[in-house]
Amino acid sequence: MEATKAEGLNDQLAEALKQLNLKEAERSRFEVALVQARTWLAEARERRAKFVKELAGAADDAERGFVELEIDEADREVISHERFIESHTLMLTEIVTARNTLLAEYEMLNAQVEAAKKAVALEAWQREIEQAFNTASDALDRARTSLGELVIAARKGADAFGHPAHAWLTQLNEGLFGKQGNLDVRGFVDRYDYNPSQFTFVIKPQVRRKDLQ
């Protein structure tokens, strides 16, 4: 369930990133165009200012007419660049707004994807820990039953053979307790990573009721 949800969200996230990248590229193109337009506008204004100065020092009507034509051309360029900058500045504002909306959608989807991944990981952990609990429970049951069968066999031997059986059982019991009492030497270490009291059990010799019949 969660894995399917995560897969669907990943597809949406990939599409959102694609749209965001397209909008980023469009924004970049407009910003470059505006920088160039402002450069051209500054150059046109400089040319106009230059021609205005030349107009004041024109020697005759012919020269004055030529300079006025240059001023008119510079004026047209200035107006053209100003209109371009104005329109593209408005368009860039709309692009940035759209880009911010896409970015917000992408970040929201990304958060959902991360949450879905965590949910998938949680499901996997739940299966793993459930299996570990079942394995431990089965092992505890086997340990109880094994000790119970050991007690039954010991009782039978003691009843049948008396002192020799008691002596042999004492020797075996000392070996068993010695082995289980030296766990450090055998490489066992305690684990207290998480609430050890929940995982500490006393194993007693037991058998199932059905086996007593």
N, C-alpha and C. Protein backbone atom coordinates (compact mmCIF):
# COMPACT_ATOMS: atom_id res chain seq x y z
N MET A 1 0.83 -1.20 0.00
CA MET A 1 0.00 0.00 0.00
C MET A 1 0.87 1.26 0.00
N GLU A 2 1.75 1.36 1.02
CA GLU A 2 2.62 2.53 1.12
C GLU A 2 3.62 2.57 -0.02
N ALA A 3 4.10 1.40 -0.45
CA ALA A 3 5.07 1.36 -1.56
C ALA A 3 4.43 1.87 -2.84
N THR A 4 3.17 1.49 -3.09
CA THR A 4 2.45 1.96 -4.28
C THR A 4 2.24 3.47 -4.21
N LYS A 5 1.90 3.96 -3.02
CA LYS A 5 1.70 5.40 -2.83
C LYS A 5 3.00 6.15 -3.08
N ALA A 6 4.11 5.62 -2.58
CA ALA A 6 5.42 6.26 -2.76
C ALA A 6 5.80 6.30 -4.23
N GLU A 7 5.50 5.23 -4.95
CA GLU A 7 5.82 5.18 -6.38
C GLU A 7 5.04 6.25 -7.15
N GLY A 8 3.75 6.38 -6.83
CA GLY A 8 2.93 7.40 -7.49
C GLY A 8 3.41 8.81 -7.18
N LEU A 9 3.81 9.04 -5.94
CA LEU A 9 4.32 10.35 -5.55
C LEU A 9 5.65 10.66 -6.24
N ASN A 10 6.46 9.64 -6.44
CA ASN A 10 7.74 9.83 -7.13
C ASN A 10 7.51 10.29 -8.57
N ASP A 11 6.49 9.72 -9.21
CA ASP A 11 6.16 10.15 -10.58
C ASP A 11 5.71 11.61 -10.59
N GLN A 12 4.87 11.98 -9.63
CA GLN A 12 4.41 13.37 -9.55
C GLN A 12 5.58 14.31 -9.25
N LEU A 13 6.50 13.86 -8.40
CA LEU A 13 7.65 14.69 -8.05
C LEU A 13 8.54 14.91 -9.26
N ALA A 14 8.75 13.86 -10.05
CA ALA A 14 9.57 13.98 -11.25
C ALA A 14 8.96 14.97 -12.24
N GLU A 15 7.62 14.91 -12.41
CA GLU A 15 6.94 15.83 -13.32
C GLU A 15 7.01 17.26 -12.78
N ALA A 16 6.85 17.43 -11.47
CA ALA A 16 6.93 18.76 -10.87
C ALA A 16 8.32 19.35 -11.04
N LEU A 17 9.34 18.52 -10.90
CA LEU A 17 10.72 18.99 -11.09
C LEU A 17 10.96 19.39 -12.54
N LYS A 18 10.40 18.62 -13.45
CA LYS A 18 10.53 18.94 -14.87
C LYS A 18 9.91 20.31 -15.18
N GLN A 19 8.70 20.54 -14.69
CA GLN A 19 8.03 21.82 -14.92
C GLN A 19 8.78 22.97 -14.24
N LEU A 20 9.31 22.72 -13.06
CA LEU A 20 10.07 23.74 -12.35
C LEU A 20 11.33 24.11 -13.12
N ASN A 21 12.01 23.11 -13.67
CA ASN A 21 13.23 23.38 -14.44
C ASN A 21 12.93 24.16 -15.72
N LEU A 22 11.80 23.84 -16.36
CA LEU A 22 11.40 24.58 -17.55
C LEU A 22 11.14 26.06 -17.21
N LYS A 23 10.45 26.26 -16.10
CA LYS A 23 10.14 27.63 -15.69
C LYS A 23 11.41 28.38 -15.27
N GLU A 24 12.34 27.68 -14.65
CA GLU A 24 13.63 28.29 -14.28
C GLU A 24 14.39 28.71 -15.54
N ALA A 25 14.37 27.85 -16.56
CA ALA A 25 15.06 28.18 -17.81
C ALA A 25 14.42 29.40 -18.47
N GLU A 26 13.08 29.46 -18.43
CA GLU A 26 12.38 30.60 -19.00
C GLU A 26 12.73 31.88 -18.24
N ARG A 27 12.75 31.79 -16.94
CA ARG A 27 13.12 32.96 -16.12
C ARG A 27 14.54 33.43 -16.45
N SER A 28 15.44 32.48 -16.61
CA SER A 28 16.82 32.83 -16.94
C SER A 28 16.92 33.54 -18.28
N ARG A 29 16.16 33.05 -19.28
CA ARG A 29 16.18 33.67 -20.60
C ARG A 29 15.67 35.13 -20.53
N PHE A 30 14.61 35.35 -19.79
CA PHE A 30 14.05 36.70 -19.67
C PHE A 30 15.03 37.62 -18.93
N GLU A 31 15.69 37.10 -17.90
CA GLU A 31 16.63 37.93 -17.16
C GLU A 31 17.80 38.34 -18.04
N VAL A 32 18.30 37.40 -18.86
CA VAL A 32 19.39 37.71 -19.78
C VAL A 32 18.95 38.75 -20.81
N ALA A 33 17.72 38.57 -21.33
CA ALA A 33 17.20 39.50 -22.33
C ALA A 33 17.04 40.90 -21.74
N LEU A 34 16.60 41.00 -20.50
CA LEU A 34 16.44 42.30 -19.86
C LEU A 34 17.78 42.98 -19.61
N VAL A 35 18.78 42.20 -19.22
CA VAL A 35 20.12 42.76 -19.03
C VAL A 35 20.64 43.34 -20.35
N GLN A 36 20.46 42.58 -21.43
CA GLN A 36 20.90 43.05 -22.74
C GLN A 36 20.13 44.29 -23.17
N ALA A 37 18.80 44.30 -22.93
CA ALA A 37 17.96 45.43 -23.32
C ALA A 37 18.35 46.69 -22.55
N ARG A 38 18.68 46.54 -21.28
CA ARG A 38 19.09 47.71 -20.49
C ARG A 38 20.43 48.25 -21.00
N THR A 39 21.30 47.34 -21.44
CA THR A 39 22.57 47.78 -22.02
C THR A 39 22.34 48.56 -23.30
N TRP A 40 21.46 48.02 -24.16
CA TRP A 40 21.14 48.71 -25.42
C TRP A 40 20.46 50.06 -25.15
N LEU A 41 19.59 50.12 -24.13
CA LEU A 41 18.92 51.36 -23.79
C LEU A 41 19.94 52.42 -23.35
N ALA A 42 20.88 52.00 -22.52
CA ALA A 42 21.90 52.95 -22.06
C ALA A 42 22.73 53.46 -23.24
N GLU A 43 23.05 52.56 -24.17
CA GLU A 43 23.84 52.96 -25.34
C GLU A 43 23.05 53.93 -26.21
N ALA A 44 21.76 53.67 -26.39
CA ALA A 44 20.91 54.56 -27.21
C ALA A 44 20.81 55.94 -26.57
N ARG A 45 20.65 55.98 -25.26
CA ARG A 45 20.58 57.27 -24.57
C ARG A 45 21.90 58.04 -24.68
N GLU A 46 23.00 57.32 -24.63
CA GLU A 46 24.31 57.98 -24.79
C GLU A 46 24.46 58.57 -26.19
N ARG A 47 24.01 57.80 -27.20
CA ARG A 47 24.09 58.31 -28.57
C ARG A 47 23.21 59.55 -28.73
N ARG A 48 22.01 59.50 -28.15
CA ARG A 48 21.12 60.65 -28.27
C ARG A 48 21.75 61.89 -27.62
N ALA A 49 22.32 61.69 -26.42
CA ALA A 49 22.96 62.82 -25.73
C ALA A 49 24.11 63.38 -26.56
N LYS A 50 24.84 62.50 -27.22
CA LYS A 50 25.96 62.94 -28.07
C LYS A 50 25.45 63.78 -29.25
N PHE A 51 24.36 63.28 -29.87
CA PHE A 51 23.82 64.02 -31.03
C PHE A 51 23.21 65.36 -30.61
N VAL A 52 22.62 65.40 -29.42
CA VAL A 52 22.07 66.66 -28.93
C VAL A 52 23.18 67.70 -28.79
N LYS A 53 24.32 67.26 -28.28
CA LYS A 53 25.46 68.17 -28.18
C LYS A 53 25.93 68.62 -29.56
N GLU A 54 25.95 67.67 -30.50
CA GLU A 54 26.39 68.01 -31.86
C GLU A 54 25.42 68.98 -32.53
N LEU A 55 24.11 68.81 -32.19
CA LEU A 55 23.10 69.69 -32.78
C LEU A 55 23.35 71.16 -32.38
N ALA A 56 23.75 71.34 -31.15
CA ALA A 56 24.00 72.72 -30.68
C ALA A 56 25.17 73.36 -31.42
N GLY A 57 26.08 72.55 -31.91
CA GLY A 57 27.25 73.11 -32.58
C GLY A 57 27.22 72.94 -34.08
N ALA A 58 26.00 72.62 -34.64
CA ALA A 58 25.91 72.40 -36.09
C ALA A 58 26.27 73.68 -36.85
N ALA A 59 27.04 73.50 -37.92
CA ALA A 59 27.54 74.66 -38.67
C ALA A 59 26.50 75.21 -39.63
N ASP A 60 25.61 74.36 -40.16
CA ASP A 60 24.62 74.83 -41.14
C ASP A 60 23.37 73.96 -41.05
N ASP A 61 22.38 74.29 -41.86
CA ASP A 61 21.10 73.56 -41.86
C ASP A 61 21.27 72.11 -42.27
N ALA A 62 22.14 71.84 -43.20
CA ALA A 62 22.34 70.47 -43.68
C ALA A 62 22.86 69.59 -42.55
N GLU A 63 23.85 70.11 -41.87
CA GLU A 63 24.42 69.32 -40.74
C GLU A 63 23.38 69.17 -39.63
N ARG A 64 22.60 70.29 -39.42
CA ARG A 64 21.58 70.25 -38.38
C ARG A 64 20.50 69.23 -38.75
N GLY A 65 20.13 69.16 -39.98
CA GLY A 65 19.12 68.20 -40.41
C GLY A 65 19.61 66.77 -40.24
N PHE A 66 20.89 66.53 -40.57
CA PHE A 66 21.46 65.18 -40.42
C PHE A 66 21.47 64.76 -38.95
N VAL A 67 21.88 65.69 -38.08
CA VAL A 67 21.95 65.37 -36.64
C VAL A 67 20.56 65.13 -36.08
N GLU A 68 19.58 65.92 -36.54
CA GLU A 68 18.20 65.72 -36.07
C GLU A 68 17.67 64.34 -36.45
N LEU A 69 18.05 63.89 -37.66
CA LEU A 69 17.66 62.53 -38.06
C LEU A 69 18.27 61.48 -37.13
N GLU A 70 19.50 61.69 -36.75
CA GLU A 70 20.18 60.75 -35.83
C GLU A 70 19.51 60.77 -34.45
N ILE A 71 19.10 61.98 -34.03
CA ILE A 71 18.41 62.09 -32.74
C ILE A 71 17.07 61.36 -32.80
N ASP A 72 16.34 61.53 -33.92
CA ASP A 72 15.06 60.83 -34.08
C ASP A 72 15.24 59.32 -34.04
N GLU A 73 16.29 58.83 -34.69
CA GLU A 73 16.58 57.39 -34.69
C GLU A 73 16.92 56.92 -33.28
N ALA A 74 17.72 57.71 -32.58
CA ALA A 74 18.06 57.35 -31.20
C ALA A 74 16.81 57.35 -30.32
N ASP A 75 15.91 58.33 -30.55
CA ASP A 75 14.66 58.37 -29.79
C ASP A 75 13.83 57.11 -30.02
N ARG A 76 13.77 56.68 -31.27
CA ARG A 76 13.00 55.46 -31.58
C ARG A 76 13.61 54.24 -30.87
N GLU A 77 14.93 54.18 -30.86
CA GLU A 77 15.60 53.06 -30.18
C GLU A 77 15.32 53.10 -28.68
N VAL A 78 15.41 54.31 -28.10
CA VAL A 78 15.14 54.44 -26.66
C VAL A 78 13.72 53.98 -26.35
N ILE A 79 12.75 54.46 -27.12
CA ILE A 79 11.35 54.07 -26.89
C ILE A 79 11.16 52.57 -27.05
N SER A 80 11.78 52.02 -28.10
CA SER A 80 11.65 50.58 -28.35
C SER A 80 12.21 49.76 -27.18
N HIS A 81 13.40 50.15 -26.72
CA HIS A 81 14.02 49.41 -25.61
C HIS A 81 13.23 49.60 -24.32
N GLU A 82 12.72 50.81 -24.08
CA GLU A 82 11.93 51.04 -22.87
C GLU A 82 10.66 50.20 -22.87
N ARG A 83 9.99 50.12 -24.02
CA ARG A 83 8.78 49.30 -24.11
C ARG A 83 9.10 47.81 -23.91
N PHE A 84 10.21 47.39 -24.52
CA PHE A 84 10.64 45.99 -24.37
C PHE A 84 10.90 45.69 -22.90
N ILE A 85 11.63 46.59 -22.23
CA ILE A 85 11.96 46.37 -20.82
C ILE A 85 10.71 46.36 -19.96
N GLU A 86 9.80 47.28 -20.24
CA GLU A 86 8.57 47.35 -19.45
C GLU A 86 7.74 46.07 -19.60
N SER A 87 7.53 45.65 -20.85
CA SER A 87 6.70 44.45 -21.09
C SER A 87 7.36 43.20 -20.53
N HIS A 88 8.67 43.09 -20.76
CA HIS A 88 9.36 41.88 -20.31
C HIS A 88 9.55 41.85 -18.79
N THR A 89 9.60 43.04 -18.17
CA THR A 89 9.65 43.07 -16.71
C THR A 89 8.35 42.54 -16.13
N LEU A 90 7.22 42.92 -16.72
CA LEU A 90 5.92 42.40 -16.27
C LEU A 90 5.83 40.89 -16.49
N MET A 91 6.29 40.46 -17.66
CA MET A 91 6.26 39.03 -17.96
C MET A 91 7.18 38.26 -17.02
N LEU A 92 8.33 38.84 -16.70
CA LEU A 92 9.25 38.18 -15.77
C LEU A 92 8.63 38.06 -14.38
N THR A 93 7.90 39.08 -13.98
CA THR A 93 7.20 39.02 -12.68
C THR A 93 6.21 37.86 -12.66
N GLU A 94 5.47 37.68 -13.76
CA GLU A 94 4.52 36.57 -13.85
C GLU A 94 5.26 35.23 -13.84
N ILE A 95 6.38 35.19 -14.53
CA ILE A 95 7.16 33.94 -14.58
C ILE A 95 7.69 33.58 -13.20
N VAL A 96 8.20 34.59 -12.48
CA VAL A 96 8.72 34.35 -11.13
C VAL A 96 7.60 33.88 -10.20
N THR A 97 6.42 34.48 -10.34
CA THR A 97 5.28 34.06 -9.52
C THR A 97 4.92 32.60 -9.80
N ALA A 98 4.88 32.27 -11.10
CA ALA A 98 4.57 30.89 -11.49
C ALA A 98 5.66 29.94 -11.00
N ARG A 99 6.91 30.40 -11.11
CA ARG A 99 8.04 29.58 -10.65
C ARG A 99 7.95 29.32 -9.15
N ASN A 100 7.59 30.34 -8.37
CA ASN A 100 7.46 30.19 -6.92
C ASN A 100 6.33 29.22 -6.56
N THR A 101 5.25 29.28 -7.35
CA THR A 101 4.14 28.35 -7.13
C THR A 101 4.59 26.92 -7.40
N LEU A 102 5.32 26.74 -8.50
CA LEU A 102 5.83 25.40 -8.84
C LEU A 102 6.81 24.91 -7.78
N LEU A 103 7.64 25.82 -7.29
CA LEU A 103 8.60 25.45 -6.26
C LEU A 103 7.89 24.99 -4.99
N ALA A 104 6.83 25.71 -4.61
CA ALA A 104 6.07 25.33 -3.43
C ALA A 104 5.42 23.95 -3.62
N GLU A 105 4.90 23.71 -4.82
CA GLU A 105 4.29 22.40 -5.11
C GLU A 105 5.35 21.30 -5.07
N TYR A 106 6.53 21.61 -5.63
CA TYR A 106 7.62 20.63 -5.62
C TYR A 106 8.04 20.30 -4.19
N GLU A 107 8.21 21.33 -3.37
CA GLU A 107 8.63 21.10 -1.99
C GLU A 107 7.57 20.32 -1.21
N MET A 108 6.29 20.60 -1.47
CA MET A 108 5.22 19.86 -0.82
C MET A 108 5.25 18.38 -1.23
N LEU A 109 5.41 18.14 -2.55
CA LEU A 109 5.47 16.76 -3.03
C LEU A 109 6.71 16.05 -2.49
N ASN A 110 7.82 16.79 -2.42
CA ASN A 110 9.05 16.19 -1.91
C ASN A 110 8.88 15.77 -0.45
N ALA A 111 8.19 16.61 0.32
CA ALA A 111 7.92 16.26 1.72
C ALA A 111 7.02 15.02 1.80
N GLN A 112 6.04 14.94 0.90
CA GLN A 112 5.15 13.78 0.87
C GLN A 112 5.91 12.52 0.48
N VAL A 113 6.84 12.66 -0.47
CA VAL A 113 7.66 11.52 -0.90
C VAL A 113 8.51 11.02 0.26
N GLU A 114 9.14 11.96 0.98
CA GLU A 114 9.97 11.57 2.12
C GLU A 114 9.12 10.88 3.20
N ALA A 115 7.91 11.40 3.42
CA ALA A 115 7.01 10.79 4.40
C ALA A 115 6.60 9.39 3.95
N ALA A 116 6.34 9.23 2.63
CA ALA A 116 5.96 7.92 2.10
C ALA A 116 7.12 6.94 2.21
N LYS A 117 8.35 7.41 1.93
CA LYS A 117 9.52 6.55 2.07
C LYS A 117 9.67 6.07 3.51
N LYS A 118 9.44 7.01 4.44
CA LYS A 118 9.54 6.65 5.86
C LYS A 118 8.47 5.63 6.24
N ALA A 119 7.27 5.80 5.66
CA ALA A 119 6.19 4.85 5.93
C ALA A 119 6.53 3.47 5.39
N VAL A 120 7.14 3.42 4.20
CA VAL A 120 7.56 2.15 3.62
C VAL A 120 8.61 1.49 4.50
N ALA A 121 9.58 2.31 4.95
CA ALA A 121 10.63 1.78 5.83
C ALA A 121 10.03 1.27 7.14
N LEU A 122 9.02 2.00 7.65
CA LEU A 122 8.36 1.58 8.89
C LEU A 122 7.67 0.23 8.70
N GLU A 123 6.99 0.06 7.57
CA GLU A 123 6.33 -1.21 7.29
C GLU A 123 7.35 -2.35 7.24
N ALA A 124 8.49 -2.10 6.60
CA ALA A 124 9.54 -3.11 6.51
C ALA A 124 10.06 -3.46 7.90
N TRP A 125 10.27 -2.42 8.73
CA TRP A 125 10.75 -2.66 10.09
C TRP A 125 9.72 -3.44 10.90
N GLN A 126 8.46 -3.11 10.74
CA GLN A 126 7.41 -3.82 11.48
C GLN A 126 7.40 -5.30 11.13
N ARG A 127 7.58 -5.60 9.83
CA ARG A 127 7.64 -7.01 9.43
C ARG A 127 8.87 -7.68 10.03
N GLU A 128 9.99 -6.96 10.00
CA GLU A 128 11.24 -7.53 10.53
C GLU A 128 11.13 -7.79 12.03
N ILE A 129 10.60 -6.81 12.79
CA ILE A 129 10.53 -6.96 14.24
C ILE A 129 9.49 -8.00 14.63
N GLU A 130 8.42 -8.08 13.84
CA GLU A 130 7.40 -9.11 14.11
C GLU A 130 7.99 -10.50 13.93
N GLN A 131 8.79 -10.66 12.86
CA GLN A 131 9.44 -11.95 12.64
C GLN A 131 10.42 -12.26 13.76
N ALA A 132 11.16 -11.21 14.21
CA ALA A 132 12.12 -11.41 15.30
C ALA A 132 11.40 -11.80 16.58
N PHE A 133 10.24 -11.18 16.86
CA PHE A 133 9.46 -11.53 18.04
C PHE A 133 8.98 -12.97 17.96
N ASN A 134 8.49 -13.36 16.80
CA ASN A 134 7.99 -14.73 16.63
C ASN A 134 9.12 -15.75 16.80
N THR A 135 10.29 -15.42 16.21
CA THR A 135 11.44 -16.32 16.34
C THR A 135 11.86 -16.45 17.80
N ALA A 136 11.91 -15.31 18.52
CA ALA A 136 12.29 -15.34 19.93
C ALA A 136 11.26 -16.10 20.75
N SER A 137 9.97 -15.89 20.45
CA SER A 137 8.91 -16.59 21.19
C SER A 137 9.01 -18.10 20.99
N ASP A 138 9.25 -18.52 19.75
CA ASP A 138 9.40 -19.95 19.47
C ASP A 138 10.61 -20.53 20.20
N ALA A 139 11.71 -19.74 20.21
CA ALA A 139 12.93 -20.21 20.88
C ALA A 139 12.71 -20.34 22.38
N LEU A 140 11.98 -19.38 22.97
CA LEU A 140 11.67 -19.46 24.40
C LEU A 140 10.81 -20.69 24.70
N ASP A 141 9.82 -20.94 23.83
CA ASP A 141 8.98 -22.14 24.02
C ASP A 141 9.81 -23.41 23.94
N ARG A 142 10.73 -23.45 22.97
CA ARG A 142 11.58 -24.64 22.84
C ARG A 142 12.48 -24.80 24.06
N ALA A 143 12.99 -23.67 24.60
CA ALA A 143 13.85 -23.75 25.78
C ALA A 143 13.08 -24.28 26.98
N ARG A 144 11.85 -23.80 27.18
CA ARG A 144 11.03 -24.28 28.29
C ARG A 144 10.76 -25.78 28.16
N THR A 145 10.37 -26.16 26.93
CA THR A 145 10.05 -27.57 26.69
C THR A 145 11.28 -28.44 26.86
N SER A 146 12.44 -27.98 26.38
CA SER A 146 13.68 -28.76 26.52
C SER A 146 14.03 -28.95 27.98
N LEU A 147 13.90 -27.88 28.78
CA LEU A 147 14.18 -28.01 30.22
C LEU A 147 13.16 -28.93 30.89
N GLY A 148 11.90 -28.81 30.46
CA GLY A 148 10.88 -29.70 31.02
C GLY A 148 11.16 -31.15 30.71
N GLU A 149 11.54 -31.45 29.48
CA GLU A 149 11.86 -32.82 29.10
C GLU A 149 13.10 -33.30 29.84
N LEU A 150 14.05 -32.37 30.08
CA LEU A 150 15.25 -32.73 30.85
C LEU A 150 14.87 -33.14 32.27
N VAL A 151 13.97 -32.39 32.90
CA VAL A 151 13.53 -32.71 34.27
C VAL A 151 12.82 -34.06 34.31
N ILE A 152 11.97 -34.30 33.32
CA ILE A 152 11.25 -35.58 33.28
C ILE A 152 12.22 -36.74 33.13
N ALA A 153 13.19 -36.60 32.23
CA ALA A 153 14.17 -37.66 32.02
C ALA A 153 15.02 -37.87 33.27
N ALA A 154 15.37 -36.75 33.95
CA ALA A 154 16.17 -36.87 35.18
C ALA A 154 15.39 -37.62 36.25
N ARG A 155 14.11 -37.28 36.36
CA ARG A 155 13.27 -37.95 37.37
C ARG A 155 13.15 -39.44 37.09
N LYS A 156 12.99 -39.80 35.85
CA LYS A 156 12.89 -41.22 35.48
C LYS A 156 14.18 -41.95 35.83
N GLY A 157 15.32 -41.34 35.51
CA GLY A 157 16.62 -41.97 35.80
C GLY A 157 16.85 -42.10 37.28
N ALA A 158 16.50 -41.05 38.04
CA ALA A 158 16.70 -41.10 39.49
C ALA A 158 15.84 -42.18 40.12
N ASP A 159 14.59 -42.29 39.63
CA ASP A 159 13.70 -43.32 40.17
C ASP A 159 14.20 -44.72 39.83
N ALA A 160 14.77 -44.85 38.63
CA ALA A 160 15.17 -46.19 38.17
C ALA A 160 16.53 -46.62 38.71
N PHE A 161 17.48 -45.67 38.88
CA PHE A 161 18.86 -46.07 39.19
C PHE A 161 19.40 -45.54 40.51
N GLY A 162 18.63 -44.72 41.16
CA GLY A 162 19.00 -44.28 42.49
C GLY A 162 20.27 -43.44 42.54
N HIS A 163 21.18 -43.81 43.51
CA HIS A 163 22.37 -43.00 43.77
C HIS A 163 23.25 -42.78 42.53
N PRO A 164 23.54 -43.80 41.72
CA PRO A 164 24.38 -43.54 40.53
C PRO A 164 23.77 -42.48 39.60
N ALA A 165 22.47 -42.52 39.48
CA ALA A 165 21.82 -41.54 38.62
C ALA A 165 21.92 -40.15 39.23
N HIS A 166 21.70 -40.05 40.59
CA HIS A 166 21.81 -38.76 41.25
C HIS A 166 23.21 -38.18 41.08
N ALA A 167 24.24 -39.03 41.23
CA ALA A 167 25.62 -38.55 41.10
C ALA A 167 25.89 -38.07 39.67
N TRP A 168 25.39 -38.82 38.72
CA TRP A 168 25.60 -38.43 37.31
C TRP A 168 24.87 -37.14 36.97
N LEU A 169 23.64 -37.02 37.49
CA LEU A 169 22.86 -35.81 37.24
C LEU A 169 23.51 -34.59 37.89
N THR A 170 24.08 -34.79 39.09
CA THR A 170 24.77 -33.68 39.76
C THR A 170 25.95 -33.20 38.94
N GLN A 171 26.69 -34.16 38.40
CA GLN A 171 27.85 -33.81 37.57
C GLN A 171 27.41 -33.05 36.31
N LEU A 172 26.37 -33.55 35.65
CA LEU A 172 25.88 -32.88 34.45
C LEU A 172 25.32 -31.49 34.76
N ASN A 173 24.62 -31.41 35.92
CA ASN A 173 24.02 -30.12 36.29
C ASN A 173 25.09 -29.07 36.57
N GLU A 174 26.17 -29.51 37.22
CA GLU A 174 27.28 -28.59 37.48
C GLU A 174 27.90 -28.10 36.17
N GLY A 175 27.99 -29.01 35.21
CA GLY A 175 28.53 -28.63 33.90
C GLY A 175 27.61 -27.64 33.17
N LEU A 176 26.30 -27.92 33.29
CA LEU A 176 25.32 -27.03 32.64
C LEU A 176 25.36 -25.63 33.24
N PHE A 177 25.34 -25.56 34.59
CA PHE A 177 25.36 -24.26 35.24
C PHE A 177 26.69 -23.55 35.02
N GLY A 178 27.77 -24.35 34.98
CA GLY A 178 29.07 -23.73 34.70
C GLY A 178 29.10 -23.13 33.30
N LYS A 179 28.53 -23.84 32.37
CA LYS A 179 28.50 -23.33 30.99
C LYS A 179 27.62 -22.11 30.88
N GLN A 180 26.43 -22.16 31.49
CA GLN A 180 25.51 -21.03 31.40
C GLN A 180 25.91 -19.88 32.31
N GLY A 181 26.77 -20.15 33.28
CA GLY A 181 27.22 -19.10 34.19
C GLY A 181 28.46 -18.37 33.71
N ASN A 182 29.03 -18.79 32.61
CA ASN A 182 30.24 -18.14 32.08
C ASN A 182 29.97 -17.65 30.65
N LEU A 183 28.92 -16.90 30.51
CA LEU A 183 28.52 -16.43 29.19
C LEU A 183 29.53 -15.46 28.59
N ASP A 184 30.18 -14.65 29.45
CA ASP A 184 31.20 -13.71 28.94
C ASP A 184 32.32 -14.45 28.25
N VAL A 185 32.77 -15.55 28.89
CA VAL A 185 33.86 -16.34 28.31
C VAL A 185 33.45 -16.92 26.97
N ARG A 186 32.17 -17.24 26.83
CA ARG A 186 31.67 -17.84 25.60
C ARG A 186 31.30 -16.80 24.54
N GLY A 187 31.54 -15.52 24.87
CA GLY A 187 31.34 -14.47 23.86
C GLY A 187 30.00 -13.80 23.87
N PHE A 188 29.17 -14.09 24.90
CA PHE A 188 27.86 -13.43 24.97
C PHE A 188 27.98 -12.09 25.69
N VAL A 189 27.25 -11.08 25.19
CA VAL A 189 27.23 -9.77 25.85
C VAL A 189 25.77 -9.32 25.99
N ASP A 190 25.52 -8.55 27.05
CA ASP A 190 24.17 -8.03 27.26
C ASP A 190 23.89 -6.91 26.27
N ARG A 191 22.63 -6.79 25.87
CA ARG A 191 22.20 -5.69 25.00
C ARG A 191 21.11 -4.92 25.71
N TYR A 192 21.38 -3.63 25.96
CA TYR A 192 20.41 -2.78 26.63
C TYR A 192 20.04 -1.59 25.74
N ASP A 193 20.01 -1.83 24.43
CA ASP A 193 19.72 -0.74 23.49
C ASP A 193 18.33 -0.16 23.70
N TYR A 194 17.37 -1.03 24.03
CA TYR A 194 15.98 -0.55 24.15
C TYR A 194 15.28 -1.30 25.28
N ASN A 195 14.95 -0.60 26.35
CA ASN A 195 14.11 -1.10 27.44
C ASN A 195 14.33 -2.59 27.71
N PRO A 196 15.48 -2.93 28.25
CA PRO A 196 15.82 -4.37 28.41
C PRO A 196 14.82 -5.14 29.26
N SER A 197 14.09 -4.45 30.17
CA SER A 197 13.14 -5.17 31.02
C SER A 197 12.05 -5.84 30.21
N GLN A 198 11.76 -5.30 29.02
CA GLN A 198 10.73 -5.91 28.18
C GLN A 198 11.22 -7.19 27.52
N PHE A 199 12.52 -7.40 27.52
CA PHE A 199 13.07 -8.56 26.80
C PHE A 199 13.86 -9.48 27.72
N THR A 200 13.61 -9.40 29.02
CA THR A 200 14.28 -10.26 29.99
C THR A 200 13.28 -11.28 30.51
N PHE A 201 13.60 -12.57 30.36
CA PHE A 201 12.68 -13.65 30.73
C PHE A 201 13.39 -14.65 31.64
N VAL A 202 12.62 -15.22 32.55
CA VAL A 202 13.10 -16.34 33.37
C VAL A 202 12.58 -17.62 32.74
N ILE A 203 13.49 -18.49 32.35
CA ILE A 203 13.09 -19.72 31.67
C ILE A 203 13.00 -20.85 32.70
N LYS A 204 11.80 -21.39 32.87
CA LYS A 204 11.58 -22.48 33.82
C LYS A 204 11.27 -23.76 33.05
N PRO A 205 11.61 -24.90 33.63
CA PRO A 205 11.27 -26.17 32.98
C PRO A 205 9.75 -26.32 32.90
N GLN A 206 9.25 -26.47 31.70
CA GLN A 206 7.81 -26.61 31.53
C GLN A 206 7.51 -27.56 30.38
N VAL A 207 6.34 -28.13 30.41
CA VAL A 207 5.84 -28.93 29.29
C VAL A 207 4.40 -28.49 29.02
N ARG A 208 3.91 -28.81 27.85
CA ARG A 208 2.54 -28.45 27.53
C ARG A 208 1.57 -29.44 28.16
N ARG A 209 0.40 -28.96 28.53
CA ARG A 209 -0.58 -29.79 29.22
C ARG A 209 -0.93 -31.03 28.41
N LYS A 210 -1.01 -30.86 27.10
CA LYS A 210 -1.40 -31.98 26.23
C LYS A 210 -0.37 -33.11 26.30
N ASP A 211 0.89 -32.75 26.62
CA ASP A 211 1.95 -33.77 26.69
C ASP A 211 1.93 -34.55 27.99
N LEU A 212 1.14 -34.06 28.96
CA LEU A 212 1.05 -34.76 30.24
C LEU A 212 0.04 -35.88 30.23
N GLN A 213 -0.82 -35.94 29.20
CA GLN A 213 -1.88 -36.94 29.12
C GLN A 213 -1.34 -38.27 28.63
